[in-house]
Amino acid sequence: MTRFRLTVEFDGRNFMGWQRQKHGATIQGSIEEAGASIAGQPTPVMAAGRTDAGVHGLAMTAHIDVAREFTPFRLMEALNARLKPRPIAILSCEEVDPEWHARFSCIGRRYLYRIINRRPPLTLEAGRAWHVIKPLDADAMDVAAKRLIGLHDFTTFRSVHCQSRSPVKTLDRLEVRRNGDEIEIIAAARSFLHHQVRSMVGCLVLVGQGQWTADDMTTALEACNRAALGFNAPPDGLYFTQAVY
């Protein structure tokens, strides 16, 4: 059995998320299906993280275990051929030590959230960014974002369905920047709670619209209560961008 490290790009719009499920198509399930058709037996796939329905991946790291003999290039080509026409692509493939694990060896995860802040509807970016019509103050959002950096109890920003053993996490980076009509929010941490990034972004948009201040963000954080949350941003604009090892 050989373990290969994969870098995966995917458009999450038509999937139920990364993790294999019985009631809909998923990224993990699609890659495992492609791998099984190549190897002639089950090929388990594990990723650095999970994504919700509608969330995208620019460079998700995963590993796959294959019993048949393949070079990394041949395996990548074979997987990509069998994944078509689904919007999933294996960007790179390399052989790794059998003890290396895409999830448990990971020491950092990074996300990007994209907002298109304009009045006209989205055409090319529909489903790939959150369309916010009301003007947003990106500088105010960035100031408020800094209130969340560090070691905190993030219960307010945690889904009620989160399976993490503790709501305490260290947020290493949360940055807001504007480039024309687009606002980018970059988040980095060792690990995140379920819905944490989307919940933080939803509250930052309230700040950008003038409904909240940076002090309101601090109040919501310190409440350690999901009821103090503004709202969850939609999955459309969220991208898994990097796993750090």
C-alpha atoms as a PDB file:
ATOM      1  CA  MET A   1       0.000   0.000   0.000  1.00  0.00           C
ATOM      2  CA  THR A   2       1.427   3.373  -1.046  1.00  0.00           C
ATOM      3  CA  ARG A   3       0.316   6.724   0.353  1.00  0.00           C
ATOM      4  CA  PHE A   4       0.165   9.720  -1.955  1.00  0.00           C
ATOM      5  CA  ARG A   5      -0.267  13.366  -1.037  1.00  0.00           C
ATOM      6  CA  LEU A   6      -2.756  15.211  -3.262  1.00  0.00           C
ATOM      7  CA  THR A   7      -3.456  18.902  -3.778  1.00  0.00           C
ATOM      8  CA  VAL A   8      -7.080  19.299  -4.797  1.00  0.00           C
ATOM      9  CA  GLU A   9      -8.961  22.171  -6.410  1.00  0.00           C
ATOM     10  CA  PHE A  10     -12.756  22.112  -6.526  1.00  0.00           C
ATOM     11  CA  ASP A  11     -15.871  24.171  -7.162  1.00  0.00           C
ATOM     12  CA  GLY A  12     -18.147  23.295  -4.261  1.00  0.00           C
ATOM     13  CA  ARG A  13     -21.427  24.600  -5.655  1.00  0.00           C
ATOM     14  CA  ASN A  14     -22.891  21.225  -6.625  1.00  0.00           C
ATOM     15  CA  PHE A  15     -21.522  19.211  -3.711  1.00  0.00           C
ATOM     16  CA  MET A  16     -22.684  18.478  -0.171  1.00  0.00           C
ATOM     17  CA  GLY A  17     -19.230  19.414   1.079  1.00  0.00           C
ATOM     18  CA  TRP A  18     -15.956  17.512   1.372  1.00  0.00           C
ATOM     19  CA  GLN A  19     -16.924  14.631   3.649  1.00  0.00           C
ATOM     20  CA  ARG A  20     -18.478  11.496   2.186  1.00  0.00           C
ATOM     21  CA  GLN A  21     -22.259  11.322   2.731  1.00  0.00           C
ATOM     22  CA  LYS A  22     -25.055   8.966   1.768  1.00  0.00           C
ATOM     23  CA  HIS A  23     -27.490  11.587   0.529  1.00  0.00           C
ATOM     24  CA  GLY A  24     -25.470  13.567  -2.029  1.00  0.00           C
ATOM     25  CA  ALA A  25     -22.282  14.024  -4.028  1.00  0.00           C
ATOM     26  CA  THR A  26     -19.151  15.045  -2.106  1.00  0.00           C
ATOM     27  CA  ILE A  27     -15.524  15.788  -2.959  1.00  0.00           C
ATOM     28  CA  GLN A  28     -14.148  12.940  -0.852  1.00  0.00           C
ATOM     29  CA  GLY A  29     -16.655  10.479  -2.264  1.00  0.00           C
ATOM     30  CA  SER A  30     -15.866  11.503  -5.842  1.00  0.00           C
ATOM     31  CA  ILE A  31     -12.099  11.047  -5.413  1.00  0.00           C
ATOM     32  CA  GLU A  32     -12.555   7.718  -3.625  1.00  0.00           C
ATOM     33  CA  GLU A  33     -14.832   6.527  -6.415  1.00  0.00           C
ATOM     34  CA  ALA A  34     -12.258   7.552  -9.030  1.00  0.00           C
ATOM     35  CA  GLY A  35      -9.460   5.889  -7.071  1.00  0.00           C
ATOM     36  CA  ALA A  36     -11.379   2.645  -6.639  1.00  0.00           C
ATOM     37  CA  SER A  37     -12.030   2.442 -10.372  1.00  0.00           C
ATOM     38  CA  ILE A  38      -8.280   2.743 -11.005  1.00  0.00           C
ATOM     39  CA  ALA A  39      -7.045   0.422  -8.261  1.00  0.00           C
ATOM     40  CA  GLY A  40      -9.844  -2.130  -8.379  1.00  0.00           C
ATOM     41  CA  GLN A  41     -10.406  -1.861  -4.630  1.00  0.00           C
ATOM     42  CA  PRO A  42     -11.308   0.819  -2.037  1.00  0.00           C
ATOM     43  CA  THR A  43      -8.888   3.768  -1.885  1.00  0.00           C
ATOM     44  CA  PRO A  44      -9.493   5.745   1.328  1.00  0.00           C
ATOM     45  CA  VAL A  45      -8.979   9.506   1.079  1.00  0.00           C
ATOM     46  CA  MET A  46      -8.398  11.848   4.025  1.00  0.00           C
ATOM     47  CA  ALA A  47      -8.131  15.647   3.895  1.00  0.00           C
ATOM     48  CA  ALA A  48      -6.590  18.413   5.980  1.00  0.00           C
ATOM     49  CA  GLY A  49     -10.067  19.727   6.738  1.00  0.00           C
ATOM     50  CA  ARG A  50     -13.746  19.493   5.957  1.00  0.00           C
ATOM     51  CA  THR A  51     -15.803  21.956   3.964  1.00  0.00           C
ATOM     52  CA  ASP A  52     -19.547  22.611   3.989  1.00  0.00           C
ATOM     53  CA  ALA A  53     -21.869  22.404   1.025  1.00  0.00           C
ATOM     54  CA  GLY A  54     -21.089  25.197  -1.420  1.00  0.00           C
ATOM     55  CA  VAL A  55     -17.589  25.901  -0.079  1.00  0.00           C
ATOM     56  CA  HIS A  56     -14.710  25.823  -2.569  1.00  0.00           C
ATOM     57  CA  GLY A  57     -11.110  24.621  -2.499  1.00  0.00           C
ATOM     58  CA  LEU A  58      -8.109  26.262  -4.148  1.00  0.00           C
ATOM     59  CA  ALA A  59      -5.549  23.887  -2.650  1.00  0.00           C
ATOM     60  CA  MET A  60      -7.020  21.309  -0.288  1.00  0.00           C
ATOM     61  CA  THR A  61      -4.411  18.806   0.860  1.00  0.00           C
ATOM     62  CA  ALA A  62      -5.428  15.161   1.070  1.00  0.00           C
ATOM     63  CA  HIS A  63      -3.871  11.727   1.022  1.00  0.00           C
ATOM     64  CA  ILE A  64      -4.950   8.568  -0.752  1.00  0.00           C
ATOM     65  CA  ASP A  65      -3.818   4.996  -0.124  1.00  0.00           C
ATOM     66  CA  VAL A  66      -3.412   2.846  -3.240  1.00  0.00           C
ATOM     67  CA  ALA A  67      -2.433  -0.833  -3.356  1.00  0.00           C
ATOM     68  CA  ARG A  68      -1.525  -0.915  -7.049  1.00  0.00           C
ATOM     69  CA  GLU A  69       1.820   0.427  -8.230  1.00  0.00           C
ATOM     70  CA  PHE A  70       1.649   3.949  -9.713  1.00  0.00           C
ATOM     71  CA  THR A  71       4.020   6.817 -10.281  1.00  0.00           C
ATOM     72  CA  PRO A  72       2.620  10.053  -8.823  1.00  0.00           C
ATOM     73  CA  PHE A  73       2.173  11.515 -12.311  1.00  0.00           C
ATOM     74  CA  ARG A  74       0.271   8.489 -13.629  1.00  0.00           C
ATOM     75  CA  LEU A  75      -1.995   8.459 -10.579  1.00  0.00           C
ATOM     76  CA  MET A  76      -2.744  12.183 -10.935  1.00  0.00           C
ATOM     77  CA  GLU A  77      -3.543  11.787 -14.628  1.00  0.00           C
ATOM     78  CA  ALA A  78      -5.736   8.751 -14.011  1.00  0.00           C
ATOM     79  CA  LEU A  79      -7.680  10.431 -11.199  1.00  0.00           C
ATOM     80  CA  ASN A  80      -8.259  13.584 -13.245  1.00  0.00           C
ATOM     81  CA  ALA A  81      -9.490  11.540 -16.204  1.00  0.00           C
ATOM     82  CA  ARG A  82     -12.039   9.726 -14.061  1.00  0.00           C
ATOM     83  CA  LEU A  83     -13.149  12.826 -12.161  1.00  0.00           C
ATOM     84  CA  LYS A  84     -14.362  14.501 -15.367  1.00  0.00           C
ATOM     85  CA  PRO A  85     -16.749  16.260 -15.881  1.00  0.00           C
ATOM     86  CA  ARG A  86     -17.045  16.997 -12.158  1.00  0.00           C
ATOM     87  CA  PRO A  87     -15.384  20.305 -11.175  1.00  0.00           C
ATOM     88  CA  ILE A  88     -12.595  18.625  -9.203  1.00  0.00           C
ATOM     89  CA  ALA A  89      -8.928  18.644 -10.236  1.00  0.00           C
ATOM     90  CA  ILE A  90      -5.849  17.021  -8.710  1.00  0.00           C
ATOM     91  CA  LEU A  91      -3.220  19.768  -9.035  1.00  0.00           C
ATOM     92  CA  SER A  92      -0.279  17.764  -7.715  1.00  0.00           C
ATOM     93  CA  CYS A  93       0.543  14.287  -6.445  1.00  0.00           C
ATOM     94  CA  GLU A  94       3.586  12.945  -4.585  1.00  0.00           C
ATOM     95  CA  GLU A  95       4.481   9.799  -2.685  1.00  0.00           C
ATOM     96  CA  VAL A  96       4.784  10.288   1.089  1.00  0.00           C
ATOM     97  CA  ASP A  97       5.689   8.246   4.141  1.00  0.00           C
ATOM     98  CA  PRO A  98       2.867   5.902   5.248  1.00  0.00           C
ATOM     99  CA  GLU A  99       2.864   7.655   8.644  1.00  0.00           C
ATOM    100  CA  TRP A 100       2.220  11.071   7.122  1.00  0.00           C
ATOM    101  CA  HIS A 101      -1.419  12.101   7.531  1.00  0.00           C
ATOM    102  CA  ALA A 102      -3.175  14.939   5.707  1.00  0.00           C
ATOM    103  CA  ARG A 103      -5.233  15.835   8.785  1.00  0.00           C
ATOM    104  CA  PHE A 104      -3.164  14.875  11.818  1.00  0.00           C
ATOM    105  CA  SER A 105       0.171  16.077  10.431  1.00  0.00           C
ATOM    106  CA  CYS A 106      -1.301  19.476   9.589  1.00  0.00           C
ATOM    107  CA  ILE A 107      -0.225  22.391  11.805  1.00  0.00           C
ATOM    108  CA  GLY A 108      -2.136  25.215  10.122  1.00  0.00           C
ATOM    109  CA  ARG A 109      -5.125  25.916   7.889  1.00  0.00           C
ATOM    110  CA  ARG A 110      -5.889  29.008   5.851  1.00  0.00           C
ATOM    111  CA  TYR A 111      -9.099  30.275   4.310  1.00  0.00           C
ATOM    112  CA  LEU A 112     -10.112  33.092   1.996  1.00  0.00           C
ATOM    113  CA  TYR A 113     -13.560  34.657   1.982  1.00  0.00           C
ATOM    114  CA  ARG A 114     -14.525  36.741  -1.072  1.00  0.00           C
ATOM    115  CA  ILE A 115     -17.189  39.465  -1.070  1.00  0.00           C
ATOM    116  CA  ILE A 116     -18.207  41.365  -4.202  1.00  0.00           C
ATOM    117  CA  ASN A 117     -19.436  44.734  -2.951  1.00  0.00           C
ATOM    118  CA  ARG A 118     -21.436  46.353  -5.746  1.00  0.00           C
ATOM    119  CA  ARG A 119     -25.024  47.010  -6.742  1.00  0.00           C
ATOM    120  CA  PRO A 120     -25.160  45.156 -10.121  1.00  0.00           C
ATOM    121  CA  PRO A 121     -25.842  41.409  -9.851  1.00  0.00           C
ATOM    122  CA  LEU A 122     -23.073  38.869 -10.184  1.00  0.00           C
ATOM    123  CA  THR A 123     -22.623  37.068 -13.480  1.00  0.00           C
ATOM    124  CA  LEU A 124     -19.231  35.349 -13.685  1.00  0.00           C
ATOM    125  CA  GLU A 125     -18.849  35.278  -9.898  1.00  0.00           C
ATOM    126  CA  ALA A 126     -22.337  33.998  -9.013  1.00  0.00           C
ATOM    127  CA  GLY A 127     -21.906  31.175  -6.518  1.00  0.00           C
ATOM    128  CA  ARG A 128     -18.209  31.967  -6.112  1.00  0.00           C
ATOM    129  CA  ALA A 129     -18.486  35.078  -3.930  1.00  0.00           C
ATOM    130  CA  TRP A 130     -20.968  36.712  -1.559  1.00  0.00           C
ATOM    131  CA  HIS A 131     -22.782  39.560  -3.270  1.00  0.00           C
ATOM    132  CA  VAL A 132     -23.283  42.447  -0.813  1.00  0.00           C
ATOM    133  CA  ILE A 133     -25.032  45.503  -2.278  1.00  0.00           C
ATOM    134  CA  LYS A 134     -24.766  47.972   0.620  1.00  0.00           C
ATOM    135  CA  PRO A 135     -21.358  49.749   0.680  1.00  0.00           C
ATOM    136  CA  LEU A 136     -18.886  48.236   3.146  1.00  0.00           C
ATOM    137  CA  ASP A 137     -16.162  50.022   5.098  1.00  0.00           C
ATOM    138  CA  ALA A 138     -13.298  47.542   4.732  1.00  0.00           C
ATOM    139  CA  ASP A 139     -11.026  49.547   7.051  1.00  0.00           C
ATOM    140  CA  ALA A 140     -13.579  49.381   9.878  1.00  0.00           C
ATOM    141  CA  MET A 141     -13.984  45.648   9.223  1.00  0.00           C
ATOM    142  CA  ASP A 142     -10.232  45.151   9.483  1.00  0.00           C
ATOM    143  CA  VAL A 143     -10.076  47.003  12.816  1.00  0.00           C
ATOM    144  CA  ALA A 144     -12.894  44.821  14.185  1.00  0.00           C
ATOM    145  CA  ALA A 145     -11.252  41.670  12.824  1.00  0.00           C
ATOM    146  CA  LYS A 146      -8.176  42.324  14.959  1.00  0.00           C
ATOM    147  CA  ARG A 147     -10.358  41.987  18.087  1.00  0.00           C
ATOM    148  CA  LEU A 148     -10.723  38.268  17.308  1.00  0.00           C
ATOM    149  CA  ILE A 149      -7.046  37.436  16.853  1.00  0.00           C
ATOM    150  CA  GLY A 150      -5.453  35.374  19.598  1.00  0.00           C
ATOM    151  CA  LEU A 151      -6.507  32.641  22.027  1.00  0.00           C
ATOM    152  CA  HIS A 152     -10.245  32.873  22.785  1.00  0.00           C
ATOM    153  CA  ASP A 153     -13.359  30.901  23.547  1.00  0.00           C
ATOM    154  CA  PHE A 154     -15.115  31.131  20.158  1.00  0.00           C
ATOM    155  CA  THR A 155     -18.446  29.645  21.290  1.00  0.00           C
ATOM    156  CA  THR A 156     -20.311  32.620  19.770  1.00  0.00           C
ATOM    157  CA  PHE A 157     -18.857  31.777  16.362  1.00  0.00           C
ATOM    158  CA  ARG A 158     -19.346  28.011  16.643  1.00  0.00           C
ATOM    159  CA  SER A 159     -22.098  25.974  14.995  1.00  0.00           C
ATOM    160  CA  VAL A 160     -24.369  24.065  17.366  1.00  0.00           C
ATOM    161  CA  HIS A 161     -23.421  20.987  15.307  1.00  0.00           C
ATOM    162  CA  CYS A 162     -19.673  21.473  15.841  1.00  0.00           C
ATOM    163  CA  GLN A 163     -17.927  18.265  16.960  1.00  0.00           C
ATOM    164  CA  SER A 164     -14.756  19.909  18.285  1.00  0.00           C
ATOM    165  CA  ARG A 165     -13.965  18.946  21.871  1.00  0.00           C
ATOM    166  CA  SER A 166     -13.320  22.569  22.875  1.00  0.00           C
ATOM    167  CA  PRO A 167     -14.490  25.989  21.654  1.00  0.00           C
ATOM    168  CA  VAL A 168     -11.099  27.476  22.598  1.00  0.00           C
ATOM    169  CA  LYS A 169      -8.964  28.174  19.538  1.00  0.00           C
ATOM    170  CA  THR A 170      -6.050  30.427  18.622  1.00  0.00           C
ATOM    171  CA  LEU A 171      -6.761  32.629  15.613  1.00  0.00           C
ATOM    172  CA  ASP A 172      -3.410  33.587  14.100  1.00  0.00           C
ATOM    173  CA  ARG A 173      -4.633  35.940  11.380  1.00  0.00           C
ATOM    174  CA  LEU A 174      -7.846  37.681  10.369  1.00  0.00           C
ATOM    175  CA  GLU A 175      -7.296  40.399   7.784  1.00  0.00           C
ATOM    176  CA  VAL A 176      -9.728  42.410   5.648  1.00  0.00           C
ATOM    177  CA  ARG A 177      -8.616  44.183   2.475  1.00  0.00           C
ATOM    178  CA  ARG A 178     -10.356  45.782  -0.479  1.00  0.00           C
ATOM    179  CA  ASN A 179      -9.377  45.608  -4.142  1.00  0.00           C
ATOM    180  CA  GLY A 180     -11.918  47.567  -6.183  1.00  0.00           C
ATOM    181  CA  ASP A 181     -15.340  45.955  -5.765  1.00  0.00           C
ATOM    182  CA  GLU A 182     -13.868  42.895  -4.096  1.00  0.00           C
ATOM    183  CA  ILE A 183     -13.251  42.521  -0.376  1.00  0.00           C
ATOM    184  CA  GLU A 184     -11.019  39.668   0.723  1.00  0.00           C
ATOM    185  CA  ILE A 185     -10.981  38.265   4.247  1.00  0.00           C
ATOM    186  CA  ILE A 186      -8.018  36.018   5.083  1.00  0.00           C
ATOM    187  CA  ALA A 187      -8.171  33.721   8.116  1.00  0.00           C
ATOM    188  CA  ALA A 188      -5.406  31.492   9.474  1.00  0.00           C
ATOM    189  CA  ALA A 189      -5.255  29.169  12.489  1.00  0.00           C
ATOM    190  CA  ARG A 190      -4.081  25.724  13.458  1.00  0.00           C
ATOM    191  CA  SER A 191      -7.701  24.605  13.273  1.00  0.00           C
ATOM    192  CA  PHE A 192     -11.175  26.125  13.108  1.00  0.00           C
ATOM    193  CA  LEU A 193     -14.553  25.378  14.619  1.00  0.00           C
ATOM    194  CA  HIS A 194     -17.464  24.380  12.399  1.00  0.00           C
ATOM    195  CA  HIS A 195     -18.819  27.572  10.755  1.00  0.00           C
ATOM    196  CA  GLN A 196     -16.257  29.748  12.573  1.00  0.00           C
ATOM    197  CA  VAL A 197     -14.995  31.575   9.483  1.00  0.00           C
ATOM    198  CA  ARG A 198     -18.476  32.145   8.056  1.00  0.00           C
ATOM    199  CA  SER A 199     -19.737  33.362  11.440  1.00  0.00           C
ATOM    200  CA  MET A 200     -16.862  35.810  11.821  1.00  0.00           C
ATOM    201  CA  VAL A 201     -17.394  37.117   8.291  1.00  0.00           C
ATOM    202  CA  GLY A 202     -21.114  37.641   8.888  1.00  0.00           C
ATOM    203  CA  CYS A 203     -20.349  39.818  11.911  1.00  0.00           C
ATOM    204  CA  LEU A 204     -17.626  41.707  10.058  1.00  0.00           C
ATOM    205  CA  VAL A 205     -20.144  42.641   7.365  1.00  0.00           C
ATOM    206  CA  LEU A 206     -22.366  44.125  10.082  1.00  0.00           C
ATOM    207  CA  VAL A 207     -19.385  46.278  11.055  1.00  0.00           C
ATOM    208  CA  GLY A 208     -18.776  47.247   7.447  1.00  0.00           C
ATOM    209  CA  GLN A 209     -22.400  48.332   7.080  1.00  0.00           C
ATOM    210  CA  GLY A 210     -22.234  50.463  10.219  1.00  0.00           C
ATOM    211  CA  GLN A 211     -24.632  48.289  12.233  1.00  0.00           C
ATOM    212  CA  TRP A 212     -21.882  47.063  14.575  1.00  0.00           C
ATOM    213  CA  THR A 213     -18.684  48.602  15.917  1.00  0.00           C
ATOM    214  CA  ALA A 214     -15.423  46.926  16.865  1.00  0.00           C
ATOM    215  CA  ASP A 215     -16.631  47.057  20.477  1.00  0.00           C
ATOM    216  CA  ASP A 216     -19.751  45.113  19.458  1.00  0.00           C
ATOM    217  CA  MET A 217     -17.474  42.445  17.999  1.00  0.00           C
ATOM    218  CA  THR A 218     -15.627  42.199  21.309  1.00  0.00           C
ATOM    219  CA  THR A 219     -18.935  41.987  23.186  1.00  0.00           C
ATOM    220  CA  ALA A 220     -20.119  39.158  20.946  1.00  0.00           C
ATOM    221  CA  LEU A 221     -16.839  37.278  21.423  1.00  0.00           C
ATOM    222  CA  GLU A 222     -16.868  37.660  25.203  1.00  0.00           C
ATOM    223  CA  ALA A 223     -20.511  36.571  25.441  1.00  0.00           C
ATOM    224  CA  CYS A 224     -19.465  33.002  24.557  1.00  0.00           C
ATOM    225  CA  ASN A 225     -23.043  32.484  23.449  1.00  0.00           C
ATOM    226  CA  ARG A 226     -24.272  31.578  19.970  1.00  0.00           C
ATOM    227  CA  ALA A 227     -27.273  33.869  20.553  1.00  0.00           C
ATOM    228  CA  ALA A 228     -24.868  36.849  20.451  1.00  0.00           C
ATOM    229  CA  LEU A 229     -23.899  36.092  16.841  1.00  0.00           C
ATOM    230  CA  GLY A 230     -24.936  38.499  14.102  1.00  0.00           C
ATOM    231  CA  PHE A 231     -25.396  35.878  11.371  1.00  0.00           C
ATOM    232  CA  ASN A 232     -23.544  33.335   9.237  1.00  0.00           C
ATOM    233  CA  ALA A 233     -22.164  34.433   5.885  1.00  0.00           C
ATOM    234  CA  PRO A 234     -23.221  32.148   3.008  1.00  0.00           C
ATOM    235  CA  PRO A 235     -20.814  29.427   1.829  1.00  0.00           C
ATOM    236  CA  ASP A 236     -20.454  30.912  -1.685  1.00  0.00           C
ATOM    237  CA  GLY A 237     -17.436  33.102  -0.910  1.00  0.00           C
ATOM    238  CA  LEU A 238     -15.445  30.673   1.246  1.00  0.00           C
ATOM    239  CA  TYR A 239     -12.311  28.953  -0.086  1.00  0.00           C
ATOM    240  CA  PHE A 240      -9.891  26.555   1.612  1.00  0.00           C
ATOM    241  CA  THR A 241      -6.547  27.904   0.390  1.00  0.00           C
ATOM    242  CA  GLN A 242      -3.719  26.151   2.226  1.00  0.00           C
ATOM    243  CA  ALA A 243      -2.773  23.433   4.654  1.00  0.00           C
ATOM    244  CA  VAL A 244       0.512  24.017   6.478  1.00  0.00           C
ATOM    245  CA  TYR A 245       2.857  21.170   7.458  1.00  0.00           C
END
